[in-house]
Amino acid sequence: MCLGVPGKVVRWIDRDPLFARAEIEFGAVRRVCHMACVLEAEVDEYVIVHAGIAIARIRADEAQRLLSELSAIAQDGSDDLAGDDSHEIR
């Protein structure tokens, strides 16, 4: 399964069409991501990032909705697995 995560464009590093890179913020974490697929993205806009590559632009409200859902899933998963060996794969 693949997962694309919304991140906010903080600053462009290089806008060369082949080697475009930007600093992307994921909550309190920032990473440099490849941006060749979304050269039109601007600072303070959101992009979907998969495996270090921004693959699409996304509206801020949609990004916030997705981040909330991912946070809820993470919280639910950690509650289900904490101290419970019944989820072990055998």
N, C-alpha and C. Protein backbone atom coordinates (compact mmCIF):
# COMPACT_ATOMS: atom_id res chain seq x y z
N MET A 1 0.84 -1.17 0.00
CA MET A 1 0.00 0.00 0.00
C MET A 1 0.89 1.24 0.00
N CYS A 2 0.47 2.25 -0.73
CA CYS A 2 1.20 3.51 -0.80
C CYS A 2 0.43 4.58 -0.02
N LEU A 3 1.17 5.52 0.52
CA LEU A 3 0.55 6.59 1.28
C LEU A 3 1.19 7.91 0.90
N GLY A 4 0.37 8.85 0.47
CA GLY A 4 0.82 10.21 0.21
C GLY A 4 0.38 11.08 1.38
N VAL A 5 1.27 11.92 1.86
CA VAL A 5 1.00 12.73 3.05
C VAL A 5 1.04 14.21 2.67
N PRO A 6 0.05 14.99 3.15
CA PRO A 6 0.07 16.43 2.87
C PRO A 6 1.19 17.14 3.63
N GLY A 7 1.85 18.05 2.96
CA GLY A 7 2.88 18.87 3.57
C GLY A 7 2.81 20.28 3.00
N LYS A 8 3.29 21.23 3.76
CA LYS A 8 3.24 22.64 3.37
C LYS A 8 4.59 23.08 2.80
N VAL A 9 4.56 23.73 1.63
CA VAL A 9 5.79 24.23 1.02
C VAL A 9 6.29 25.41 1.84
N VAL A 10 7.49 25.28 2.39
CA VAL A 10 8.08 26.32 3.23
C VAL A 10 8.97 27.24 2.41
N ARG A 11 9.81 26.64 1.57
CA ARG A 11 10.69 27.45 0.70
C ARG A 11 11.18 26.59 -0.45
N TRP A 12 11.36 27.26 -1.56
CA TRP A 12 11.93 26.61 -2.74
C TRP A 12 13.46 26.64 -2.62
N ILE A 13 14.09 25.54 -2.99
CA ILE A 13 15.54 25.45 -3.01
C ILE A 13 16.04 25.57 -4.44
N ASP A 14 15.35 24.89 -5.36
CA ASP A 14 15.75 24.87 -6.77
C ASP A 14 14.50 24.66 -7.61
N ARG A 15 14.28 25.51 -8.61
CA ARG A 15 13.10 25.37 -9.48
C ARG A 15 13.44 24.82 -10.86
N ASP A 16 14.63 24.28 -11.03
CA ASP A 16 14.99 23.65 -12.29
C ASP A 16 13.98 22.53 -12.58
N PRO A 17 13.42 22.47 -13.79
CA PRO A 17 12.38 21.47 -14.08
C PRO A 17 12.76 20.03 -13.78
N LEU A 18 14.01 19.66 -13.95
CA LEU A 18 14.41 18.27 -13.68
C LEU A 18 14.82 18.01 -12.24
N PHE A 19 15.35 19.03 -11.59
CA PHE A 19 15.92 18.83 -10.25
C PHE A 19 15.24 19.70 -9.19
N ALA A 20 14.02 20.10 -9.44
CA ALA A 20 13.31 20.99 -8.52
C ALA A 20 13.21 20.37 -7.14
N ARG A 21 13.53 21.20 -6.12
CA ARG A 21 13.45 20.76 -4.73
C ARG A 21 12.91 21.89 -3.87
N ALA A 22 12.20 21.52 -2.84
CA ALA A 22 11.68 22.51 -1.90
C ALA A 22 11.68 21.89 -0.50
N GLU A 23 11.70 22.77 0.49
CA GLU A 23 11.58 22.33 1.88
C GLU A 23 10.09 22.25 2.20
N ILE A 24 9.67 21.08 2.67
CA ILE A 24 8.26 20.82 2.96
C ILE A 24 8.10 20.56 4.45
N GLU A 25 7.07 21.14 5.05
CA GLU A 25 6.81 21.00 6.48
C GLU A 25 5.68 20.00 6.71
N PHE A 26 5.95 19.02 7.57
CA PHE A 26 4.98 18.02 8.00
C PHE A 26 4.85 18.16 9.51
N GLY A 27 3.95 19.00 9.97
CA GLY A 27 3.84 19.27 11.40
C GLY A 27 5.09 19.99 11.87
N ALA A 28 5.83 19.39 12.80
CA ALA A 28 7.05 20.01 13.34
C ALA A 28 8.30 19.54 12.60
N VAL A 29 8.14 18.72 11.56
CA VAL A 29 9.26 18.15 10.82
C VAL A 29 9.34 18.78 9.44
N ARG A 30 10.55 19.10 9.01
CA ARG A 30 10.76 19.63 7.66
C ARG A 30 11.70 18.70 6.90
N ARG A 31 11.36 18.47 5.63
CA ARG A 31 12.17 17.62 4.76
C ARG A 31 12.29 18.28 3.39
N VAL A 32 13.40 18.02 2.72
CA VAL A 32 13.57 18.47 1.34
C VAL A 32 12.95 17.40 0.45
N CYS A 33 12.08 17.83 -0.47
CA CYS A 33 11.38 16.91 -1.36
C CYS A 33 11.58 17.32 -2.81
N HIS A 34 11.52 16.34 -3.68
CA HIS A 34 11.62 16.58 -5.12
C HIS A 34 10.28 17.17 -5.59
N MET A 35 10.33 18.22 -6.43
CA MET A 35 9.12 18.97 -6.80
C MET A 35 8.86 19.03 -8.30
N ALA A 36 9.51 18.21 -9.11
CA ALA A 36 9.36 18.30 -10.56
C ALA A 36 7.92 18.11 -11.03
N CYS A 37 7.11 17.37 -10.30
CA CYS A 37 5.71 17.14 -10.69
C CYS A 37 4.80 18.31 -10.34
N VAL A 38 5.26 19.21 -9.48
CA VAL A 38 4.41 20.33 -9.03
C VAL A 38 5.18 21.65 -9.07
N LEU A 39 5.77 21.93 -10.21
CA LEU A 39 6.57 23.16 -10.35
C LEU A 39 5.75 24.43 -10.08
N GLU A 40 4.43 24.36 -10.25
CA GLU A 40 3.58 25.53 -10.06
C GLU A 40 3.24 25.80 -8.58
N ALA A 41 3.60 24.89 -7.68
CA ALA A 41 3.32 25.08 -6.25
C ALA A 41 4.07 26.29 -5.72
N GLU A 42 3.42 27.02 -4.86
CA GLU A 42 4.01 28.21 -4.25
C GLU A 42 4.22 28.01 -2.76
N VAL A 43 5.04 28.85 -2.17
CA VAL A 43 5.27 28.84 -0.72
C VAL A 43 3.91 29.03 -0.02
N ASP A 44 3.70 28.30 1.06
CA ASP A 44 2.49 28.28 1.87
C ASP A 44 1.35 27.46 1.26
N GLU A 45 1.56 26.85 0.10
CA GLU A 45 0.58 25.92 -0.45
C GLU A 45 0.91 24.51 0.03
N TYR A 46 -0.06 23.61 -0.10
CA TYR A 46 0.12 22.22 0.32
C TYR A 46 0.30 21.32 -0.89
N VAL A 47 1.10 20.29 -0.70
CA VAL A 47 1.32 19.27 -1.72
C VAL A 47 1.19 17.90 -1.06
N ILE A 48 0.88 16.90 -1.88
CA ILE A 48 0.88 15.52 -1.42
C ILE A 48 2.25 14.94 -1.74
N VAL A 49 2.91 14.36 -0.73
CA VAL A 49 4.26 13.82 -0.89
C VAL A 49 4.22 12.31 -0.68
N HIS A 50 4.81 11.60 -1.63
CA HIS A 50 4.96 10.15 -1.53
C HIS A 50 6.42 9.81 -1.81
N ALA A 51 7.06 9.13 -0.87
CA ALA A 51 8.45 8.68 -1.02
C ALA A 51 9.39 9.82 -1.38
N GLY A 52 9.17 10.99 -0.77
CA GLY A 52 10.05 12.13 -0.98
C GLY A 52 9.80 12.92 -2.24
N ILE A 53 8.71 12.59 -2.95
CA ILE A 53 8.37 13.29 -4.19
C ILE A 53 6.98 13.91 -4.04
N ALA A 54 6.90 15.23 -4.24
CA ALA A 54 5.60 15.89 -4.24
C ALA A 54 4.90 15.53 -5.55
N ILE A 55 3.71 14.95 -5.47
CA ILE A 55 3.05 14.44 -6.66
C ILE A 55 1.82 15.25 -7.07
N ALA A 56 1.30 16.10 -6.17
CA ALA A 56 0.11 16.88 -6.51
C ALA A 56 -0.05 18.04 -5.54
N ARG A 57 -0.65 19.12 -6.03
CA ARG A 57 -1.04 20.22 -5.14
C ARG A 57 -2.38 19.88 -4.52
N ILE A 58 -2.64 20.46 -3.36
CA ILE A 58 -3.90 20.22 -2.66
C ILE A 58 -4.31 21.49 -1.93
N ARG A 59 -5.61 21.72 -1.84
CA ARG A 59 -6.12 22.90 -1.12
C ARG A 59 -5.82 22.77 0.38
N ALA A 60 -5.63 23.90 1.03
CA ALA A 60 -5.29 23.92 2.46
C ALA A 60 -6.36 23.24 3.30
N ASP A 61 -7.65 23.47 2.99
CA ASP A 61 -8.71 22.85 3.78
C ASP A 61 -8.72 21.33 3.62
N GLU A 62 -8.45 20.85 2.42
CA GLU A 62 -8.38 19.41 2.20
C GLU A 62 -7.16 18.81 2.89
N ALA A 63 -6.04 19.52 2.88
CA ALA A 63 -4.85 19.05 3.57
C ALA A 63 -5.12 18.92 5.07
N GLN A 64 -5.77 19.91 5.66
CA GLN A 64 -6.07 19.85 7.10
C GLN A 64 -7.01 18.70 7.43
N ARG A 65 -7.99 18.46 6.55
CA ARG A 65 -8.92 17.35 6.77
C ARG A 65 -8.16 16.01 6.73
N LEU A 66 -7.29 15.85 5.74
CA LEU A 66 -6.51 14.61 5.65
C LEU A 66 -5.57 14.44 6.84
N LEU A 67 -4.93 15.52 7.27
CA LEU A 67 -4.04 15.43 8.43
C LEU A 67 -4.80 15.05 9.69
N SER A 68 -6.01 15.58 9.85
CA SER A 68 -6.85 15.21 11.01
C SER A 68 -7.22 13.73 10.96
N GLU A 69 -7.58 13.25 9.78
CA GLU A 69 -7.94 11.84 9.65
C GLU A 69 -6.74 10.93 9.90
N LEU A 70 -5.57 11.30 9.37
CA LEU A 70 -4.37 10.49 9.62
C LEU A 70 -4.01 10.47 11.09
N SER A 71 -4.17 11.60 11.76
CA SER A 71 -3.90 11.67 13.20
C SER A 71 -4.86 10.77 13.97
N ALA A 72 -6.13 10.78 13.60
CA ALA A 72 -7.12 9.93 14.27
C ALA A 72 -6.80 8.46 14.04
N ILE A 73 -6.41 8.11 12.83
CA ILE A 73 -6.06 6.72 12.53
C ILE A 73 -4.85 6.29 13.36
N ALA A 74 -3.85 7.16 13.43
CA ALA A 74 -2.64 6.85 14.21
C ALA A 74 -2.99 6.67 15.68
N GLN A 75 -3.85 7.53 16.21
CA GLN A 75 -4.25 7.43 17.61
C GLN A 75 -5.03 6.15 17.86
N ASP A 76 -5.96 5.83 16.98
CA ASP A 76 -6.75 4.60 17.12
C ASP A 76 -5.86 3.37 17.06
N GLY A 77 -4.90 3.38 16.15
CA GLY A 77 -4.00 2.24 15.99
C GLY A 77 -3.11 2.04 17.18
N SER A 78 -2.62 3.13 17.78
CA SER A 78 -1.73 2.98 18.93
C SER A 78 -2.50 2.50 20.15
N ASP A 79 -3.77 2.90 20.26
CA ASP A 79 -4.59 2.42 21.37
C ASP A 79 -4.88 0.92 21.23
N ASP A 80 -5.14 0.49 20.00
CA ASP A 80 -5.48 -0.91 19.76
C ASP A 80 -4.30 -1.84 20.00
N LEU A 81 -3.09 -1.38 19.70
CA LEU A 81 -1.93 -2.25 19.77
C LEU A 81 -1.16 -2.17 21.08
N ALA A 82 -1.41 -1.16 21.87
CA ALA A 82 -0.65 -0.94 23.11
C ALA A 82 -0.94 -2.07 24.10
N GLY A 83 0.08 -2.88 24.35
CA GLY A 83 -0.03 -3.90 25.38
C GLY A 83 -0.95 -5.05 25.04
N ASP A 84 -1.34 -5.20 23.79
CA ASP A 84 -2.28 -6.24 23.41
C ASP A 84 -1.62 -7.16 22.39
N ASP A 85 -1.33 -8.39 22.79
CA ASP A 85 -0.67 -9.33 21.90
C ASP A 85 -1.63 -10.05 20.97
N SER A 86 -2.92 -9.77 21.06
CA SER A 86 -3.89 -10.47 20.22
C SER A 86 -3.79 -10.08 18.76
N HIS A 87 -3.04 -9.00 18.42
CA HIS A 87 -2.92 -8.55 17.04
C HIS A 87 -1.69 -9.11 16.35
N GLU A 88 -0.98 -9.99 17.01
CA GLU A 88 0.24 -10.55 16.43
C GLU A 88 -0.11 -11.37 15.19
N ILE A 89 0.75 -11.27 14.19
CA ILE A 89 0.60 -12.09 13.00
C ILE A 89 1.31 -13.41 13.26
N ARG A 90 0.63 -14.47 13.03
CA ARG A 90 1.20 -15.80 13.31
C ARG A 90 1.40 -16.56 12.02
